[in-house]
Amino acid sequence: MDPDDFIPSPKDRCEYGFKNGISQGYHLGESAGRLQAYEVAVGILYHKYLIARTFHGKESETALLLKNCIHSVRDAQAGDMEVETAQEPSQDA
């Protein structure tokens, strides 16, 4: 099929935007903004956690829920920081 005859479906457009948008976003510095947003979220959750721990106790349901939320955000941040790099071509001929 000639490339000019190809009409992309919404699924094709979404896949193209996701695959290329993520890599271009890292080159444009959007990753720094995302990491800053993670830090703001963790800061807010940690503040709420300290309040819950102080007034409800360390083992209260609210404190444990907030602590688990902080861990979930940190896991998402760690996964977001892992950027796949292209494998170097082998020198074996």
N, C-alpha and C. Protein backbone atom coordinates (compact mmCIF):
# COMPACT_ATOMS: atom_id res chain seq x y z
N MET A 1 0.85 -1.17 0.00
CA MET A 1 0.00 0.00 0.00
C MET A 1 0.90 1.24 0.00
N ASP A 2 0.55 2.19 -0.79
CA ASP A 2 1.28 3.45 -0.85
C ASP A 2 1.07 4.23 0.45
N PRO A 3 2.13 4.79 1.03
CA PRO A 3 1.97 5.53 2.29
C PRO A 3 1.00 6.70 2.18
N ASP A 4 0.86 7.27 0.99
CA ASP A 4 -0.08 8.38 0.83
C ASP A 4 -1.52 7.91 0.88
N ASP A 5 -1.76 6.62 0.61
CA ASP A 5 -3.12 6.07 0.63
C ASP A 5 -3.54 5.65 2.03
N PHE A 6 -2.59 5.61 2.96
CA PHE A 6 -2.89 5.14 4.32
C PHE A 6 -3.59 6.24 5.11
N ILE A 7 -4.74 5.92 5.66
CA ILE A 7 -5.46 6.86 6.53
C ILE A 7 -5.40 6.29 7.94
N PRO A 8 -4.69 6.96 8.84
CA PRO A 8 -4.54 6.40 10.18
C PRO A 8 -5.84 6.43 10.97
N SER A 9 -6.06 5.38 11.73
CA SER A 9 -7.22 5.32 12.61
C SER A 9 -6.92 6.09 13.89
N PRO A 10 -7.92 6.39 14.69
CA PRO A 10 -7.64 7.05 15.97
C PRO A 10 -6.67 6.23 16.84
N LYS A 11 -6.74 4.91 16.76
CA LYS A 11 -5.81 4.06 17.52
C LYS A 11 -4.38 4.28 17.02
N ASP A 12 -4.20 4.33 15.71
CA ASP A 12 -2.86 4.57 15.14
C ASP A 12 -2.32 5.93 15.58
N ARG A 13 -3.16 6.95 15.55
CA ARG A 13 -2.73 8.28 15.97
C ARG A 13 -2.34 8.30 17.44
N CYS A 14 -3.12 7.59 18.27
CA CYS A 14 -2.83 7.55 19.70
C CYS A 14 -1.50 6.84 19.95
N GLU A 15 -1.27 5.71 19.29
CA GLU A 15 -0.01 4.98 19.47
C GLU A 15 1.17 5.82 18.99
N TYR A 16 1.02 6.49 17.86
CA TYR A 16 2.11 7.32 17.35
C TYR A 16 2.40 8.46 18.31
N GLY A 17 1.35 9.12 18.79
CA GLY A 17 1.54 10.23 19.72
C GLY A 17 2.18 9.79 21.02
N PHE A 18 1.78 8.60 21.52
CA PHE A 18 2.36 8.12 22.77
C PHE A 18 3.83 7.77 22.60
N LYS A 19 4.14 7.01 21.55
CA LYS A 19 5.52 6.56 21.34
C LYS A 19 6.45 7.74 21.07
N ASN A 20 6.03 8.68 20.25
CA ASN A 20 6.90 9.80 19.89
C ASN A 20 6.80 10.94 20.89
N GLY A 21 5.64 11.13 21.50
CA GLY A 21 5.47 12.22 22.45
C GLY A 21 6.28 12.02 23.71
N ILE A 22 6.38 10.77 24.17
CA ILE A 22 7.17 10.52 25.39
C ILE A 22 8.63 10.86 25.15
N SER A 23 9.20 10.39 24.05
CA SER A 23 10.63 10.65 23.81
C SER A 23 10.88 12.13 23.53
N GLN A 24 10.00 12.78 22.78
CA GLN A 24 10.19 14.20 22.52
C GLN A 24 9.99 15.03 23.78
N GLY A 25 9.09 14.57 24.65
CA GLY A 25 8.86 15.29 25.90
C GLY A 25 10.09 15.29 26.78
N TYR A 26 10.81 14.18 26.81
CA TYR A 26 12.03 14.13 27.61
C TYR A 26 13.09 15.06 27.02
N HIS A 27 13.14 15.16 25.70
CA HIS A 27 14.12 16.04 25.08
C HIS A 27 13.77 17.51 25.31
N LEU A 28 12.49 17.82 25.43
CA LEU A 28 12.07 19.21 25.61
C LEU A 28 12.07 19.65 27.07
N GLY A 29 12.39 18.75 27.97
CA GLY A 29 12.45 19.12 29.38
C GLY A 29 11.16 18.93 30.14
N GLU A 30 10.17 18.28 29.54
CA GLU A 30 8.92 18.06 30.24
C GLU A 30 9.08 17.08 31.39
N SER A 31 10.11 16.24 31.31
CA SER A 31 10.32 15.27 32.38
C SER A 31 10.66 15.98 33.68
N ALA A 32 11.37 17.10 33.60
CA ALA A 32 11.69 17.86 34.82
C ALA A 32 10.42 18.38 35.47
N GLY A 33 9.47 18.82 34.67
CA GLY A 33 8.19 19.27 35.21
C GLY A 33 7.40 18.15 35.84
N ARG A 34 7.46 16.97 35.23
CA ARG A 34 6.75 15.83 35.80
C ARG A 34 7.38 15.43 37.13
N LEU A 35 8.71 15.43 37.21
CA LEU A 35 9.37 15.07 38.46
C LEU A 35 9.06 16.09 39.55
N GLN A 36 8.97 17.36 39.18
CA GLN A 36 8.61 18.38 40.15
C GLN A 36 7.18 18.17 40.63
N ALA A 37 6.28 17.76 39.74
CA ALA A 37 4.90 17.50 40.14
C ALA A 37 4.84 16.32 41.12
N TYR A 38 5.67 15.31 40.89
CA TYR A 38 5.74 14.19 41.84
C TYR A 38 6.16 14.68 43.22
N GLU A 39 7.17 15.55 43.25
CA GLU A 39 7.67 16.05 44.53
C GLU A 39 6.60 16.86 45.26
N VAL A 40 5.83 17.65 44.53
CA VAL A 40 4.75 18.42 45.15
C VAL A 40 3.71 17.47 45.74
N ALA A 41 3.34 16.44 44.98
CA ALA A 41 2.35 15.47 45.46
C ALA A 41 2.85 14.76 46.71
N VAL A 42 4.10 14.35 46.70
CA VAL A 42 4.66 13.67 47.87
C VAL A 42 4.71 14.62 49.07
N GLY A 43 5.05 15.87 48.83
CA GLY A 43 5.09 16.84 49.92
C GLY A 43 3.74 17.04 50.58
N ILE A 44 2.69 17.13 49.78
CA ILE A 44 1.34 17.30 50.32
C ILE A 44 0.92 16.05 51.08
N LEU A 45 1.15 14.87 50.50
CA LEU A 45 0.77 13.64 51.17
C LEU A 45 1.55 13.43 52.47
N TYR A 46 2.83 13.78 52.46
CA TYR A 46 3.63 13.61 53.66
C TYR A 46 3.16 14.55 54.77
N HIS A 47 2.78 15.76 54.42
CA HIS A 47 2.24 16.69 55.42
C HIS A 47 0.97 16.13 56.05
N LYS A 48 0.08 15.60 55.22
CA LYS A 48 -1.15 14.99 55.73
C LYS A 48 -0.83 13.76 56.59
N TYR A 49 0.20 12.99 56.17
CA TYR A 49 0.62 11.82 56.94
C TYR A 49 1.10 12.22 58.33
N LEU A 50 1.89 13.29 58.42
CA LEU A 50 2.38 13.74 59.71
C LEU A 50 1.23 14.17 60.63
N ILE A 51 0.24 14.82 60.07
CA ILE A 51 -0.93 15.22 60.86
C ILE A 51 -1.68 13.98 61.34
N ALA A 52 -1.91 13.03 60.44
CA ALA A 52 -2.63 11.81 60.81
C ALA A 52 -1.85 11.01 61.85
N ARG A 53 -0.54 10.94 61.70
CA ARG A 53 0.29 10.19 62.64
C ARG A 53 0.27 10.85 64.02
N THR A 54 0.28 12.17 64.04
CA THR A 54 0.30 12.89 65.31
C THR A 54 -1.02 12.76 66.06
N PHE A 55 -2.14 12.93 65.36
CA PHE A 55 -3.43 12.99 66.03
C PHE A 55 -4.17 11.66 66.07
N HIS A 56 -3.86 10.74 65.16
CA HIS A 56 -4.58 9.46 65.14
C HIS A 56 -3.70 8.27 65.51
N GLY A 57 -2.40 8.46 65.54
CA GLY A 57 -1.50 7.37 65.88
C GLY A 57 -0.80 6.82 64.65
N LYS A 58 0.35 6.22 64.92
CA LYS A 58 1.20 5.72 63.84
C LYS A 58 0.56 4.57 63.07
N GLU A 59 -0.22 3.75 63.76
CA GLU A 59 -0.83 2.57 63.15
C GLU A 59 -2.29 2.78 62.77
N SER A 60 -2.73 4.03 62.72
CA SER A 60 -4.13 4.28 62.35
C SER A 60 -4.33 3.99 60.86
N GLU A 61 -5.55 3.75 60.51
CA GLU A 61 -5.88 3.43 59.12
C GLU A 61 -5.55 4.60 58.18
N THR A 62 -5.82 5.81 58.62
CA THR A 62 -5.54 6.99 57.80
C THR A 62 -4.05 7.16 57.57
N ALA A 63 -3.26 7.00 58.64
CA ALA A 63 -1.80 7.16 58.51
C ALA A 63 -1.22 6.10 57.59
N LEU A 64 -1.68 4.86 57.74
CA LEU A 64 -1.17 3.78 56.88
C LEU A 64 -1.59 3.97 55.43
N LEU A 65 -2.80 4.47 55.20
CA LEU A 65 -3.27 4.72 53.84
C LEU A 65 -2.42 5.80 53.18
N LEU A 66 -2.14 6.88 53.91
CA LEU A 66 -1.32 7.96 53.36
C LEU A 66 0.12 7.48 53.11
N LYS A 67 0.64 6.67 54.00
CA LYS A 67 1.99 6.14 53.83
C LYS A 67 2.06 5.26 52.58
N ASN A 68 1.03 4.44 52.35
CA ASN A 68 1.00 3.60 51.14
C ASN A 68 0.85 4.45 49.88
N CYS A 69 0.11 5.55 49.98
CA CYS A 69 -0.02 6.46 48.83
C CYS A 69 1.33 7.07 48.48
N ILE A 70 2.08 7.45 49.50
CA ILE A 70 3.41 8.03 49.25
C ILE A 70 4.31 7.01 48.56
N HIS A 71 4.26 5.77 49.02
CA HIS A 71 5.07 4.72 48.39
C HIS A 71 4.63 4.48 46.94
N SER A 72 3.34 4.55 46.68
CA SER A 72 2.83 4.36 45.31
C SER A 72 3.31 5.48 44.39
N VAL A 73 3.29 6.71 44.89
CA VAL A 73 3.75 7.84 44.09
C VAL A 73 5.25 7.72 43.82
N ARG A 74 6.01 7.31 44.83
CA ARG A 74 7.45 7.13 44.64
C ARG A 74 7.74 6.01 43.64
N ASP A 75 6.95 4.93 43.67
CA ASP A 75 7.13 3.86 42.68
C ASP A 75 6.84 4.36 41.27
N ALA A 76 5.77 5.16 41.14
CA ALA A 76 5.44 5.72 39.83
C ALA A 76 6.55 6.66 39.36
N GLN A 77 7.11 7.43 40.28
CA GLN A 77 8.20 8.34 39.94
C GLN A 77 9.42 7.56 39.49
N ALA A 78 9.74 6.49 40.19
CA ALA A 78 10.90 5.68 39.81
C ALA A 78 10.69 5.04 38.44
N GLY A 79 9.49 4.58 38.17
CA GLY A 79 9.20 4.00 36.86
C GLY A 79 9.26 5.03 35.75
N ASP A 80 8.87 6.26 36.08
CA ASP A 80 8.89 7.33 35.09
C ASP A 80 10.32 7.80 34.80
N MET A 81 11.20 7.64 35.77
CA MET A 81 12.58 8.08 35.58
C MET A 81 13.39 7.10 34.74
N GLU A 82 12.91 5.87 34.62
CA GLU A 82 13.63 4.89 33.81
C GLU A 82 13.34 5.17 32.34
N VAL A 83 14.32 5.64 31.63
CA VAL A 83 14.16 5.95 30.21
C VAL A 83 14.92 4.89 29.43
N GLU A 84 14.20 4.28 28.51
CA GLU A 84 14.84 3.24 27.72
C GLU A 84 15.84 3.87 26.77
N THR A 85 17.01 3.28 26.70
CA THR A 85 18.03 3.75 25.77
C THR A 85 18.26 2.69 24.72
N ALA A 86 18.62 3.14 23.56
CA ALA A 86 18.86 2.20 22.47
C ALA A 86 20.12 1.39 22.76
N GLN A 87 20.05 0.13 22.41
CA GLN A 87 21.21 -0.73 22.62
C GLN A 87 22.25 -0.45 21.56
N GLU A 88 23.49 -0.35 21.99
CA GLU A 88 24.58 -0.08 21.06
C GLU A 88 24.75 -1.28 20.11
N PRO A 89 25.02 -1.00 18.85
CA PRO A 89 25.23 -2.11 17.92
C PRO A 89 26.49 -2.89 18.30
N SER A 90 26.45 -4.17 18.11
CA SER A 90 27.61 -4.99 18.47
C SER A 90 28.71 -4.80 17.43
N GLN A 91 29.93 -4.93 17.89
CA GLN A 91 31.09 -4.76 17.01
C GLN A 91 31.49 -6.09 16.38
N ASP A 92 30.77 -7.14 16.68
CA ASP A 92 31.08 -8.45 16.10
C ASP A 92 30.70 -8.43 14.62
N ALA A 93 31.62 -8.83 13.80
CA ALA A 93 31.30 -8.84 12.36
C ALA A 93 31.35 -10.23 11.80
